[in-house]
Amino acid sequence: MSEPVYLTRAPHASGPALEESLARAAQGDQQAFARVYDAVAGQVLGVVRAVLRDPAQSEEVAQEVLVEVWRTAARFRPDRGSAMAWVMTIAHRRAVDRVRSAQAASDRERRAAVLDHAPAFDEVTEQVEHRLEREQVRRCLQGLTERQRQSVTLAYYRGLTHREVAQLLQLPLGTVKTRLRDGLIRLRDCLGVTA
């Protein structure tokens, strides 16, 4: 793992006193951490707020930064930079991470919304195919005789039985069956369906 790189400029660096308090906080000294907190809290909030610009989020991220400083105080390396620079680096990185996280969430929501509103390619294709099939069936129905078209429409589009079609058209059942058979043969030929 590479060594941490600290920001080189830190406002109001408190020098050896802050580094000593940070070293003691690393050993679990809560009073030392209270001194670290007092020395850096305002500047942490300032750095975070400059990146985030949202006061509520800035306070939340600043709090996360200070918790991270408490948990990782042992990682501070005085030979790499000042304690204030180390803390400000953590603050800046946390703020940038929050911005990136918010942007990624926004992008995911936008993509999900687009996917929810755009019909799937297969749905579109299926709708087009159904529409074309309906148009072709309509054209083929127009090629039937009036009697064949009536019989086919009543039996297959209205769901009537052969007997009900015969009663409705006041025709013998055999005549209706013949019209249906002849009409379906003509439809099959027109639609190009192989038997």
N, C-alpha and C. Protein backbone atom coordinates (compact mmCIF):
# COMPACT_ATOMS: atom_id res chain seq x y z
N MET A 1 0.84 -1.18 0.00
CA MET A 1 0.00 0.00 0.00
C MET A 1 0.89 1.24 0.00
N SER A 2 0.56 2.20 -0.83
CA SER A 2 1.41 3.39 -0.93
C SER A 2 1.23 4.28 0.29
N GLU A 3 2.24 5.05 0.55
CA GLU A 3 2.22 5.97 1.69
C GLU A 3 1.23 7.10 1.42
N PRO A 4 0.51 7.60 2.44
CA PRO A 4 -0.41 8.69 2.23
C PRO A 4 0.32 9.97 1.87
N VAL A 5 -0.29 10.76 1.02
CA VAL A 5 0.27 12.06 0.64
C VAL A 5 -0.64 13.11 1.23
N TYR A 6 -0.09 14.03 1.99
CA TYR A 6 -0.89 15.04 2.66
C TYR A 6 -0.89 16.32 1.84
N LEU A 7 -1.95 17.09 1.99
CA LEU A 7 -1.97 18.41 1.38
C LEU A 7 -0.82 19.22 1.96
N THR A 8 -0.17 19.99 1.13
CA THR A 8 1.01 20.71 1.63
C THR A 8 0.66 21.99 2.35
N ARG A 9 -0.47 22.59 2.02
CA ARG A 9 -0.84 23.83 2.69
C ARG A 9 -2.05 23.59 3.57
N ALA A 10 -1.96 23.97 4.80
CA ALA A 10 -3.09 23.85 5.71
C ALA A 10 -3.21 25.16 6.47
N PRO A 11 -4.41 25.72 6.50
CA PRO A 11 -4.58 26.98 7.22
C PRO A 11 -4.39 26.78 8.72
N HIS A 12 -3.77 27.72 9.33
CA HIS A 12 -3.62 27.76 10.80
C HIS A 12 -3.04 26.48 11.37
N ALA A 13 -1.98 25.93 10.78
CA ALA A 13 -1.39 24.71 11.30
C ALA A 13 -0.93 24.96 12.74
N SER A 14 -1.34 24.07 13.63
CA SER A 14 -1.07 24.28 15.04
C SER A 14 0.22 23.66 15.52
N GLY A 15 0.98 23.08 14.62
CA GLY A 15 2.32 22.61 14.94
C GLY A 15 2.41 21.46 15.91
N PRO A 16 3.50 21.48 16.73
CA PRO A 16 3.81 20.35 17.61
C PRO A 16 2.71 20.04 18.63
N ALA A 17 2.00 21.01 19.11
CA ALA A 17 0.96 20.74 20.10
C ALA A 17 -0.13 19.86 19.50
N LEU A 18 -0.53 20.14 18.26
CA LEU A 18 -1.56 19.34 17.59
C LEU A 18 -1.02 17.93 17.31
N GLU A 19 0.22 17.83 16.87
CA GLU A 19 0.81 16.53 16.58
C GLU A 19 0.91 15.68 17.84
N GLU A 20 1.27 16.33 18.94
CA GLU A 20 1.36 15.60 20.22
C GLU A 20 -0.02 15.12 20.67
N SER A 21 -1.01 15.99 20.55
CA SER A 21 -2.38 15.60 20.92
C SER A 21 -2.87 14.46 20.03
N LEU A 22 -2.54 14.51 18.75
CA LEU A 22 -2.95 13.46 17.82
C LEU A 22 -2.27 12.13 18.18
N ALA A 23 -0.99 12.19 18.58
CA ALA A 23 -0.26 10.98 18.97
C ALA A 23 -0.90 10.38 20.23
N ARG A 24 -1.28 11.23 21.18
CA ARG A 24 -1.94 10.73 22.40
C ARG A 24 -3.32 10.18 22.09
N ALA A 25 -4.05 10.84 21.18
CA ALA A 25 -5.37 10.35 20.78
C ALA A 25 -5.24 8.97 20.14
N ALA A 26 -4.17 8.75 19.40
CA ALA A 26 -3.92 7.45 18.78
C ALA A 26 -3.78 6.35 19.83
N GLN A 27 -3.38 6.73 21.04
CA GLN A 27 -3.24 5.76 22.13
C GLN A 27 -4.51 5.65 22.95
N GLY A 28 -5.58 6.33 22.50
CA GLY A 28 -6.87 6.22 23.18
C GLY A 28 -7.17 7.33 24.16
N ASP A 29 -6.34 8.34 24.25
CA ASP A 29 -6.54 9.47 25.18
C ASP A 29 -7.67 10.36 24.65
N GLN A 30 -8.81 10.29 25.31
CA GLN A 30 -9.98 11.04 24.86
C GLN A 30 -9.82 12.55 25.05
N GLN A 31 -9.15 12.94 26.13
CA GLN A 31 -8.92 14.37 26.34
C GLN A 31 -8.01 14.94 25.27
N ALA A 32 -7.04 14.16 24.84
CA ALA A 32 -6.15 14.61 23.76
C ALA A 32 -6.95 14.76 22.47
N PHE A 33 -7.86 13.81 22.24
CA PHE A 33 -8.67 13.93 21.03
C PHE A 33 -9.58 15.15 21.12
N ALA A 34 -10.08 15.47 22.31
CA ALA A 34 -10.91 16.68 22.47
C ALA A 34 -10.11 17.91 22.05
N ARG A 35 -8.83 17.94 22.38
CA ARG A 35 -7.98 19.08 21.96
C ARG A 35 -7.81 19.08 20.43
N VAL A 36 -7.62 17.90 19.85
CA VAL A 36 -7.51 17.79 18.39
C VAL A 36 -8.81 18.30 17.76
N TYR A 37 -9.90 17.85 18.30
CA TYR A 37 -11.23 18.24 17.79
C TYR A 37 -11.37 19.76 17.81
N ASP A 38 -11.08 20.35 18.95
CA ASP A 38 -11.20 21.81 19.08
C ASP A 38 -10.31 22.55 18.08
N ALA A 39 -9.13 21.99 17.82
CA ALA A 39 -8.17 22.65 16.94
C ALA A 39 -8.55 22.54 15.46
N VAL A 40 -9.23 21.46 15.07
CA VAL A 40 -9.44 21.23 13.63
C VAL A 40 -10.90 21.28 13.17
N ALA A 41 -11.86 21.19 14.07
CA ALA A 41 -13.27 21.04 13.67
C ALA A 41 -13.74 22.16 12.74
N GLY A 42 -13.44 23.40 13.07
CA GLY A 42 -13.89 24.52 12.24
C GLY A 42 -13.28 24.49 10.85
N GLN A 43 -12.01 24.17 10.77
CA GLN A 43 -11.34 24.13 9.48
C GLN A 43 -11.79 22.92 8.65
N VAL A 44 -12.07 21.80 9.31
CA VAL A 44 -12.60 20.63 8.61
C VAL A 44 -13.94 20.99 7.97
N LEU A 45 -14.81 21.62 8.76
CA LEU A 45 -16.12 22.02 8.23
C LEU A 45 -15.95 22.99 7.06
N GLY A 46 -15.00 23.90 7.16
CA GLY A 46 -14.76 24.86 6.08
C GLY A 46 -14.32 24.18 4.79
N VAL A 47 -13.40 23.23 4.88
CA VAL A 47 -12.93 22.51 3.70
C VAL A 47 -14.07 21.70 3.08
N VAL A 48 -14.79 21.01 3.93
CA VAL A 48 -15.88 20.16 3.44
C VAL A 48 -16.97 21.01 2.80
N ARG A 49 -17.30 22.11 3.43
CA ARG A 49 -18.37 22.98 2.91
C ARG A 49 -17.96 23.62 1.59
N ALA A 50 -16.68 23.90 1.41
CA ALA A 50 -16.21 24.47 0.15
C ALA A 50 -16.42 23.48 -1.00
N VAL A 51 -16.34 22.19 -0.72
CA VAL A 51 -16.53 21.18 -1.75
C VAL A 51 -18.01 20.86 -1.95
N LEU A 52 -18.73 20.67 -0.86
CA LEU A 52 -20.13 20.21 -0.94
C LEU A 52 -21.15 21.34 -1.12
N ARG A 53 -20.92 22.46 -0.50
CA ARG A 53 -21.80 23.63 -0.56
C ARG A 53 -23.16 23.43 0.12
N ASP A 54 -23.46 22.26 0.56
CA ASP A 54 -24.72 21.98 1.25
C ASP A 54 -24.44 21.92 2.74
N PRO A 55 -25.01 22.85 3.54
CA PRO A 55 -24.68 22.90 4.97
C PRO A 55 -24.96 21.60 5.72
N ALA A 56 -26.10 20.99 5.47
CA ALA A 56 -26.45 19.77 6.21
C ALA A 56 -25.48 18.64 5.87
N GLN A 57 -25.22 18.44 4.57
CA GLN A 57 -24.28 17.39 4.18
C GLN A 57 -22.87 17.71 4.67
N SER A 58 -22.52 18.98 4.66
CA SER A 58 -21.19 19.37 5.12
C SER A 58 -20.99 19.01 6.58
N GLU A 59 -21.99 19.26 7.40
CA GLU A 59 -21.89 18.92 8.82
C GLU A 59 -21.77 17.41 9.01
N GLU A 60 -22.53 16.66 8.23
CA GLU A 60 -22.49 15.21 8.33
C GLU A 60 -21.12 14.67 7.93
N VAL A 61 -20.59 15.16 6.81
CA VAL A 61 -19.28 14.70 6.35
C VAL A 61 -18.19 15.15 7.32
N ALA A 62 -18.28 16.37 7.85
CA ALA A 62 -17.29 16.84 8.82
C ALA A 62 -17.27 15.92 10.04
N GLN A 63 -18.45 15.51 10.48
CA GLN A 63 -18.52 14.59 11.62
C GLN A 63 -17.86 13.25 11.26
N GLU A 64 -18.11 12.75 10.05
CA GLU A 64 -17.47 11.51 9.60
C GLU A 64 -15.95 11.65 9.58
N VAL A 65 -15.48 12.81 9.14
CA VAL A 65 -14.04 13.06 9.08
C VAL A 65 -13.44 13.00 10.48
N LEU A 66 -14.09 13.65 11.43
CA LEU A 66 -13.56 13.68 12.79
C LEU A 66 -13.58 12.29 13.43
N VAL A 67 -14.59 11.49 13.11
CA VAL A 67 -14.61 10.11 13.60
C VAL A 67 -13.46 9.33 12.97
N GLU A 68 -13.23 9.56 11.68
CA GLU A 68 -12.11 8.88 11.01
C GLU A 68 -10.77 9.31 11.61
N VAL A 69 -10.63 10.58 11.93
CA VAL A 69 -9.39 11.05 12.56
C VAL A 69 -9.19 10.31 13.89
N TRP A 70 -10.23 10.16 14.67
CA TRP A 70 -10.15 9.45 15.95
C TRP A 70 -9.74 7.99 15.73
N ARG A 71 -10.40 7.33 14.75
CA ARG A 71 -10.12 5.91 14.52
C ARG A 71 -8.75 5.67 13.89
N THR A 72 -8.27 6.58 13.08
CA THR A 72 -7.04 6.34 12.33
C THR A 72 -5.88 7.22 12.79
N ALA A 73 -5.98 7.81 13.94
CA ALA A 73 -4.92 8.71 14.43
C ALA A 73 -3.55 8.03 14.43
N ALA A 74 -3.51 6.74 14.63
CA ALA A 74 -2.24 6.01 14.66
C ALA A 74 -1.56 5.99 13.29
N ARG A 75 -2.30 6.26 12.23
CA ARG A 75 -1.72 6.25 10.88
C ARG A 75 -1.01 7.56 10.53
N PHE A 76 -1.19 8.57 11.36
CA PHE A 76 -0.55 9.85 11.08
C PHE A 76 0.97 9.68 11.13
N ARG A 77 1.64 10.21 10.09
CA ARG A 77 3.10 10.13 9.99
C ARG A 77 3.66 11.55 9.98
N PRO A 78 4.23 12.02 11.08
CA PRO A 78 4.74 13.39 11.13
C PRO A 78 5.84 13.68 10.11
N ASP A 79 6.55 12.63 9.67
CA ASP A 79 7.61 12.85 8.69
C ASP A 79 7.03 13.11 7.29
N ARG A 80 5.72 12.90 7.08
CA ARG A 80 5.09 13.10 5.78
C ARG A 80 4.41 14.47 5.68
N GLY A 81 4.19 15.15 6.81
CA GLY A 81 3.54 16.44 6.78
C GLY A 81 2.97 16.77 8.15
N SER A 82 2.36 17.93 8.25
CA SER A 82 1.82 18.36 9.54
C SER A 82 0.52 17.63 9.87
N ALA A 83 0.16 17.64 11.14
CA ALA A 83 -1.08 17.01 11.58
C ALA A 83 -2.28 17.70 10.93
N MET A 84 -2.23 19.03 10.83
CA MET A 84 -3.34 19.77 10.24
C MET A 84 -3.49 19.38 8.76
N ALA A 85 -2.38 19.26 8.04
CA ALA A 85 -2.44 18.87 6.63
C ALA A 85 -3.03 17.47 6.48
N TRP A 86 -2.66 16.56 7.39
CA TRP A 86 -3.20 15.20 7.36
C TRP A 86 -4.71 15.21 7.54
N VAL A 87 -5.18 15.97 8.52
CA VAL A 87 -6.62 16.06 8.80
C VAL A 87 -7.35 16.70 7.61
N MET A 88 -6.79 17.77 7.06
CA MET A 88 -7.43 18.45 5.94
C MET A 88 -7.48 17.56 4.69
N THR A 89 -6.46 16.73 4.52
CA THR A 89 -6.46 15.78 3.40
C THR A 89 -7.62 14.80 3.56
N ILE A 90 -7.80 14.29 4.77
CA ILE A 90 -8.92 13.38 5.03
C ILE A 90 -10.23 14.09 4.74
N ALA A 91 -10.36 15.32 5.21
CA ALA A 91 -11.59 16.09 5.01
C ALA A 91 -11.87 16.28 3.52
N HIS A 92 -10.87 16.68 2.79
CA HIS A 92 -11.06 16.93 1.35
C HIS A 92 -11.45 15.63 0.62
N ARG A 93 -10.76 14.56 0.94
CA ARG A 93 -11.07 13.28 0.28
C ARG A 93 -12.50 12.82 0.59
N ARG A 94 -12.91 12.95 1.84
CA ARG A 94 -14.26 12.55 2.23
C ARG A 94 -15.30 13.39 1.49
N ALA A 95 -15.06 14.68 1.38
CA ALA A 95 -16.01 15.56 0.69
C ALA A 95 -16.10 15.19 -0.79
N VAL A 96 -14.96 14.94 -1.42
CA VAL A 96 -14.96 14.56 -2.83
C VAL A 96 -15.66 13.21 -3.01
N ASP A 97 -15.41 12.28 -2.10
CA ASP A 97 -16.09 10.99 -2.16
C ASP A 97 -17.61 11.15 -2.08
N ARG A 98 -18.06 12.07 -1.24
CA ARG A 98 -19.51 12.30 -1.11
C ARG A 98 -20.08 12.85 -2.41
N VAL A 99 -19.37 13.77 -3.03
CA VAL A 99 -19.83 14.33 -4.31
C VAL A 99 -19.91 13.22 -5.35
N ARG A 100 -18.88 12.41 -5.43
CA ARG A 100 -18.88 11.32 -6.42
C ARG A 100 -19.99 10.32 -6.14
N SER A 101 -20.20 10.01 -4.88
CA SER A 101 -21.25 9.08 -4.51
C SER A 101 -22.62 9.63 -4.88
N ALA A 102 -22.85 10.91 -4.61
CA ALA A 102 -24.13 11.54 -4.95
C ALA A 102 -24.33 11.55 -6.45
N GLN A 103 -23.26 11.83 -7.21
CA GLN A 103 -23.37 11.85 -8.67
C GLN A 103 -23.66 10.45 -9.21
N ALA A 104 -23.00 9.45 -8.65
CA ALA A 104 -23.23 8.07 -9.10
C ALA A 104 -24.67 7.65 -8.81
N ALA A 105 -25.19 8.02 -7.63
CA ALA A 105 -26.58 7.68 -7.29
C ALA A 105 -27.54 8.38 -8.24
N SER A 106 -27.27 9.63 -8.53
CA SER A 106 -28.11 10.38 -9.46
C SER A 106 -28.10 9.75 -10.85
N ASP A 107 -26.92 9.33 -11.30
CA ASP A 107 -26.80 8.68 -12.61
C ASP A 107 -27.57 7.36 -12.63
N ARG A 108 -27.47 6.58 -11.54
CA ARG A 108 -28.20 5.31 -11.48
C ARG A 108 -29.70 5.54 -11.52
N GLU A 109 -30.18 6.54 -10.78
CA GLU A 109 -31.61 6.84 -10.78
C GLU A 109 -32.08 7.29 -12.15
N ARG A 110 -31.26 8.10 -12.82
CA ARG A 110 -31.62 8.58 -14.16
C ARG A 110 -31.70 7.40 -15.13
N ARG A 111 -30.70 6.50 -15.07
CA ARG A 111 -30.72 5.33 -15.96
C ARG A 111 -31.92 4.44 -15.66
N ALA A 112 -32.22 4.25 -14.38
CA ALA A 112 -33.37 3.42 -14.01
C ALA A 112 -34.67 4.04 -14.50
N ALA A 113 -34.79 5.36 -14.40
CA ALA A 113 -36.00 6.03 -14.87
C ALA A 113 -36.15 5.89 -16.37
N VAL A 114 -35.05 5.99 -17.09
CA VAL A 114 -35.10 5.84 -18.55
C VAL A 114 -35.51 4.42 -18.90
N LEU A 115 -34.96 3.44 -18.21
CA LEU A 115 -35.31 2.05 -18.48
C LEU A 115 -36.76 1.75 -18.13
N ASP A 116 -37.26 2.37 -17.06
CA ASP A 116 -38.66 2.16 -16.68
C ASP A 116 -39.62 2.73 -17.71
N HIS A 117 -39.26 3.85 -18.32
CA HIS A 117 -40.18 4.51 -19.25
C HIS A 117 -40.02 4.05 -20.69
N ALA A 118 -38.89 3.50 -21.05
CA ALA A 118 -38.67 3.05 -22.42
C ALA A 118 -39.08 1.59 -22.54
N PRO A 119 -39.99 1.30 -23.44
CA PRO A 119 -40.37 -0.11 -23.60
C PRO A 119 -39.19 -0.91 -24.12
N ALA A 120 -39.12 -2.12 -23.70
CA ALA A 120 -38.03 -2.98 -24.14
C ALA A 120 -38.11 -3.16 -25.65
N PHE A 121 -36.98 -3.39 -26.29
CA PHE A 121 -36.93 -3.55 -27.74
C PHE A 121 -37.88 -4.66 -28.18
N ASP A 122 -37.91 -5.76 -27.45
CA ASP A 122 -38.78 -6.88 -27.81
C ASP A 122 -40.24 -6.48 -27.77
N GLU A 123 -40.63 -5.65 -26.83
CA GLU A 123 -42.02 -5.20 -26.76
C GLU A 123 -42.38 -4.40 -27.99
N VAL A 124 -41.51 -3.52 -28.41
CA VAL A 124 -41.77 -2.71 -29.59
C VAL A 124 -41.88 -3.59 -30.82
N THR A 125 -40.94 -4.51 -30.96
CA THR A 125 -40.95 -5.41 -32.10
C THR A 125 -42.23 -6.23 -32.11
N GLU A 126 -42.62 -6.72 -30.96
CA GLU A 126 -43.82 -7.53 -30.86
C GLU A 126 -45.06 -6.71 -31.23
N GLN A 127 -45.13 -5.47 -30.77
CA GLN A 127 -46.27 -4.62 -31.11
C GLN A 127 -46.34 -4.38 -32.62
N VAL A 128 -45.20 -4.13 -33.23
CA VAL A 128 -45.18 -3.90 -34.68
C VAL A 128 -45.61 -5.15 -35.42
N GLU A 129 -45.09 -6.30 -34.99
CA GLU A 129 -45.47 -7.56 -35.65
C GLU A 129 -46.97 -7.81 -35.53
N HIS A 130 -47.54 -7.58 -34.36
CA HIS A 130 -48.98 -7.78 -34.17
C HIS A 130 -49.78 -6.84 -35.06
N ARG A 131 -49.34 -5.60 -35.14
CA ARG A 131 -50.05 -4.62 -35.97
C ARG A 131 -50.00 -5.03 -37.44
N LEU A 132 -48.82 -5.48 -37.90
CA LEU A 132 -48.70 -5.92 -39.28
C LEU A 132 -49.55 -7.16 -39.56
N GLU A 133 -49.56 -8.08 -38.60
CA GLU A 133 -50.38 -9.29 -38.75
C GLU A 133 -51.86 -8.93 -38.82
N ARG A 134 -52.31 -8.01 -37.97
CA ARG A 134 -53.73 -7.59 -37.99
C ARG A 134 -54.08 -6.97 -39.34
N GLU A 135 -53.18 -6.14 -39.85
CA GLU A 135 -53.44 -5.50 -41.15
C GLU A 135 -53.53 -6.55 -42.25
N GLN A 136 -52.65 -7.53 -42.21
CA GLN A 136 -52.67 -8.57 -43.23
C GLN A 136 -53.95 -9.40 -43.12
N VAL A 137 -54.38 -9.73 -41.91
CA VAL A 137 -55.61 -10.48 -41.71
C VAL A 137 -56.80 -9.67 -42.22
N ARG A 138 -56.83 -8.38 -41.95
CA ARG A 138 -57.93 -7.53 -42.44
C ARG A 138 -57.99 -7.55 -43.97
N ARG A 139 -56.81 -7.41 -44.60
CA ARG A 139 -56.77 -7.44 -46.07
C ARG A 139 -57.29 -8.78 -46.60
N CYS A 140 -56.86 -9.86 -45.97
CA CYS A 140 -57.29 -11.18 -46.41
C CYS A 140 -58.78 -11.39 -46.17
N LEU A 141 -59.30 -10.88 -45.07
CA LEU A 141 -60.74 -10.99 -44.82
C LEU A 141 -61.53 -10.27 -45.90
N GLN A 142 -61.00 -9.15 -46.39
CA GLN A 142 -61.68 -8.40 -47.45
C GLN A 142 -61.74 -9.22 -48.74
N GLY A 143 -60.84 -10.20 -48.89
CA GLY A 143 -60.82 -11.04 -50.09
C GLY A 143 -61.84 -12.18 -50.05
N LEU A 144 -62.49 -12.37 -48.92
CA LEU A 144 -63.51 -13.42 -48.79
C LEU A 144 -64.84 -12.91 -49.34
N THR A 145 -65.71 -13.87 -49.65
CA THR A 145 -67.07 -13.46 -50.03
C THR A 145 -67.76 -12.91 -48.78
N GLU A 146 -68.80 -12.15 -48.98
CA GLU A 146 -69.53 -11.57 -47.84
C GLU A 146 -70.00 -12.66 -46.88
N ARG A 147 -70.52 -13.78 -47.43
CA ARG A 147 -71.04 -14.88 -46.58
C ARG A 147 -69.91 -15.56 -45.80
N GLN A 148 -68.77 -15.76 -46.46
CA GLN A 148 -67.63 -16.37 -45.77
C GLN A 148 -67.13 -15.44 -44.66
N ARG A 149 -67.02 -14.15 -44.99
CA ARG A 149 -66.54 -13.17 -44.01
C ARG A 149 -67.47 -13.13 -42.80
N GLN A 150 -68.78 -13.15 -43.01
CA GLN A 150 -69.73 -13.15 -41.89
C GLN A 150 -69.53 -14.37 -41.01
N SER A 151 -69.43 -15.51 -41.62
CA SER A 151 -69.30 -16.75 -40.86
C SER A 151 -68.00 -16.78 -40.06
N VAL A 152 -66.89 -16.41 -40.71
CA VAL A 152 -65.59 -16.40 -40.02
C VAL A 152 -65.59 -15.38 -38.89
N THR A 153 -66.12 -14.21 -39.14
CA THR A 153 -66.13 -13.16 -38.12
C THR A 153 -66.94 -13.59 -36.90
N LEU A 154 -68.13 -14.15 -37.14
CA LEU A 154 -68.97 -14.58 -36.01
C LEU A 154 -68.32 -15.72 -35.23
N ALA A 155 -67.73 -16.68 -35.95
CA ALA A 155 -67.18 -17.85 -35.27
C ALA A 155 -65.85 -17.55 -34.58
N TYR A 156 -64.96 -16.78 -35.24
CA TYR A 156 -63.61 -16.63 -34.71
C TYR A 156 -63.34 -15.31 -34.00
N TYR A 157 -64.09 -14.29 -34.32
CA TYR A 157 -63.87 -13.00 -33.65
C TYR A 157 -64.89 -12.74 -32.56
N ARG A 158 -66.07 -13.30 -32.71
CA ARG A 158 -67.09 -13.13 -31.65
C ARG A 158 -67.20 -14.37 -30.79
N GLY A 159 -66.58 -15.46 -31.18
CA GLY A 159 -66.52 -16.66 -30.36
C GLY A 159 -67.80 -17.49 -30.36
N LEU A 160 -68.62 -17.35 -31.38
CA LEU A 160 -69.85 -18.15 -31.44
C LEU A 160 -69.54 -19.56 -31.94
N THR A 161 -70.34 -20.51 -31.52
CA THR A 161 -70.20 -21.88 -32.01
C THR A 161 -70.79 -21.96 -33.41
N HIS A 162 -70.49 -23.04 -34.12
CA HIS A 162 -71.04 -23.22 -35.48
C HIS A 162 -72.56 -23.21 -35.44
N ARG A 163 -73.14 -23.87 -34.45
CA ARG A 163 -74.60 -23.93 -34.31
C ARG A 163 -75.17 -22.53 -34.08
N GLU A 164 -74.50 -21.71 -33.22
CA GLU A 164 -74.98 -20.34 -32.96
C GLU A 164 -74.88 -19.47 -34.21
N VAL A 165 -73.82 -19.66 -35.00
CA VAL A 165 -73.69 -18.91 -36.26
C VAL A 165 -74.84 -19.29 -37.19
N ALA A 166 -75.10 -20.59 -37.28
CA ALA A 166 -76.19 -21.06 -38.15
C ALA A 166 -77.52 -20.45 -37.71
N GLN A 167 -77.79 -20.42 -36.42
CA GLN A 167 -79.05 -19.85 -35.92
C GLN A 167 -79.11 -18.35 -36.20
N LEU A 168 -78.03 -17.64 -35.97
CA LEU A 168 -78.00 -16.20 -36.17
C LEU A 168 -78.19 -15.83 -37.64
N LEU A 169 -77.57 -16.58 -38.55
CA LEU A 169 -77.67 -16.29 -39.98
C LEU A 169 -78.88 -16.99 -40.62
N GLN A 170 -79.57 -17.79 -39.80
CA GLN A 170 -80.74 -18.55 -40.25
C GLN A 170 -80.40 -19.42 -41.46
N LEU A 171 -79.32 -20.20 -41.28
CA LEU A 171 -78.84 -21.10 -42.32
C LEU A 171 -78.69 -22.49 -41.73
N PRO A 172 -78.69 -23.52 -42.59
CA PRO A 172 -78.44 -24.87 -42.10
C PRO A 172 -77.01 -24.97 -41.57
N LEU A 173 -76.80 -25.80 -40.57
CA LEU A 173 -75.49 -25.98 -39.94
C LEU A 173 -74.44 -26.41 -40.97
N GLY A 174 -74.79 -27.29 -41.87
CA GLY A 174 -73.86 -27.77 -42.90
C GLY A 174 -73.38 -26.64 -43.81
N THR A 175 -74.27 -25.72 -44.14
CA THR A 175 -73.91 -24.59 -44.99
C THR A 175 -72.91 -23.69 -44.28
N VAL A 176 -73.15 -23.46 -43.02
CA VAL A 176 -72.23 -22.61 -42.23
C VAL A 176 -70.86 -23.27 -42.14
N LYS A 177 -70.83 -24.58 -41.91
CA LYS A 177 -69.54 -25.30 -41.81
C LYS A 177 -68.79 -25.21 -43.14
N THR A 178 -69.52 -25.33 -44.26
CA THR A 178 -68.88 -25.23 -45.57
C THR A 178 -68.31 -23.83 -45.79
N ARG A 179 -69.07 -22.81 -45.45
CA ARG A 179 -68.59 -21.43 -45.60
C ARG A 179 -67.35 -21.18 -44.74
N LEU A 180 -67.40 -21.70 -43.53
CA LEU A 180 -66.24 -21.53 -42.64
C LEU A 180 -65.02 -22.23 -43.20
N ARG A 181 -65.20 -23.48 -43.65
CA ARG A 181 -64.07 -24.24 -44.20
C ARG A 181 -63.49 -23.53 -45.41
N ASP A 182 -64.34 -23.12 -46.34
CA ASP A 182 -63.88 -22.44 -47.55
C ASP A 182 -63.21 -21.09 -47.20
N GLY A 183 -63.80 -20.37 -46.28
CA GLY A 183 -63.24 -19.08 -45.86
C GLY A 183 -61.88 -19.23 -45.21
N LEU A 184 -61.73 -20.25 -44.36
CA LEU A 184 -60.45 -20.48 -43.69
C LEU A 184 -59.38 -20.93 -44.68
N ILE A 185 -59.76 -21.72 -45.69
CA ILE A 185 -58.80 -22.13 -46.71
C ILE A 185 -58.30 -20.90 -47.47
N ARG A 186 -59.21 -20.01 -47.84
CA ARG A 186 -58.82 -18.80 -48.56
C ARG A 186 -57.94 -17.90 -47.68
N LEU A 187 -58.29 -17.80 -46.38
CA LEU A 187 -57.45 -17.00 -45.45
C LEU A 187 -56.05 -17.60 -45.34
N ARG A 188 -55.99 -18.91 -45.21
CA ARG A 188 -54.69 -19.58 -45.10
C ARG A 188 -53.85 -19.31 -46.33
N ASP A 189 -54.45 -19.44 -47.50
CA ASP A 189 -53.69 -19.18 -48.74
C ASP A 189 -53.26 -17.72 -48.82
N CYS A 190 -54.13 -16.81 -48.44
CA CYS A 190 -53.83 -15.38 -48.49
C CYS A 190 -52.71 -15.03 -47.51
N LEU A 191 -52.71 -15.62 -46.33
CA LEU A 191 -51.72 -15.32 -45.30
C LEU A 191 -50.42 -16.08 -45.53
N GLY A 192 -50.45 -17.04 -46.46
CA GLY A 192 -49.22 -17.79 -46.75
C GLY A 192 -48.89 -18.81 -45.68
N VAL A 193 -49.90 -19.29 -44.97
CA VAL A 193 -49.69 -20.28 -43.93
C VAL A 193 -49.67 -21.66 -44.58
N THR A 194 -48.66 -22.47 -44.26
CA THR A 194 -48.59 -23.81 -44.82
C THR A 194 -49.32 -24.76 -43.89
N ALA A 195 -50.06 -25.69 -44.49
CA ALA A 195 -50.87 -26.61 -43.70
C ALA A 195 -50.03 -27.72 -43.12
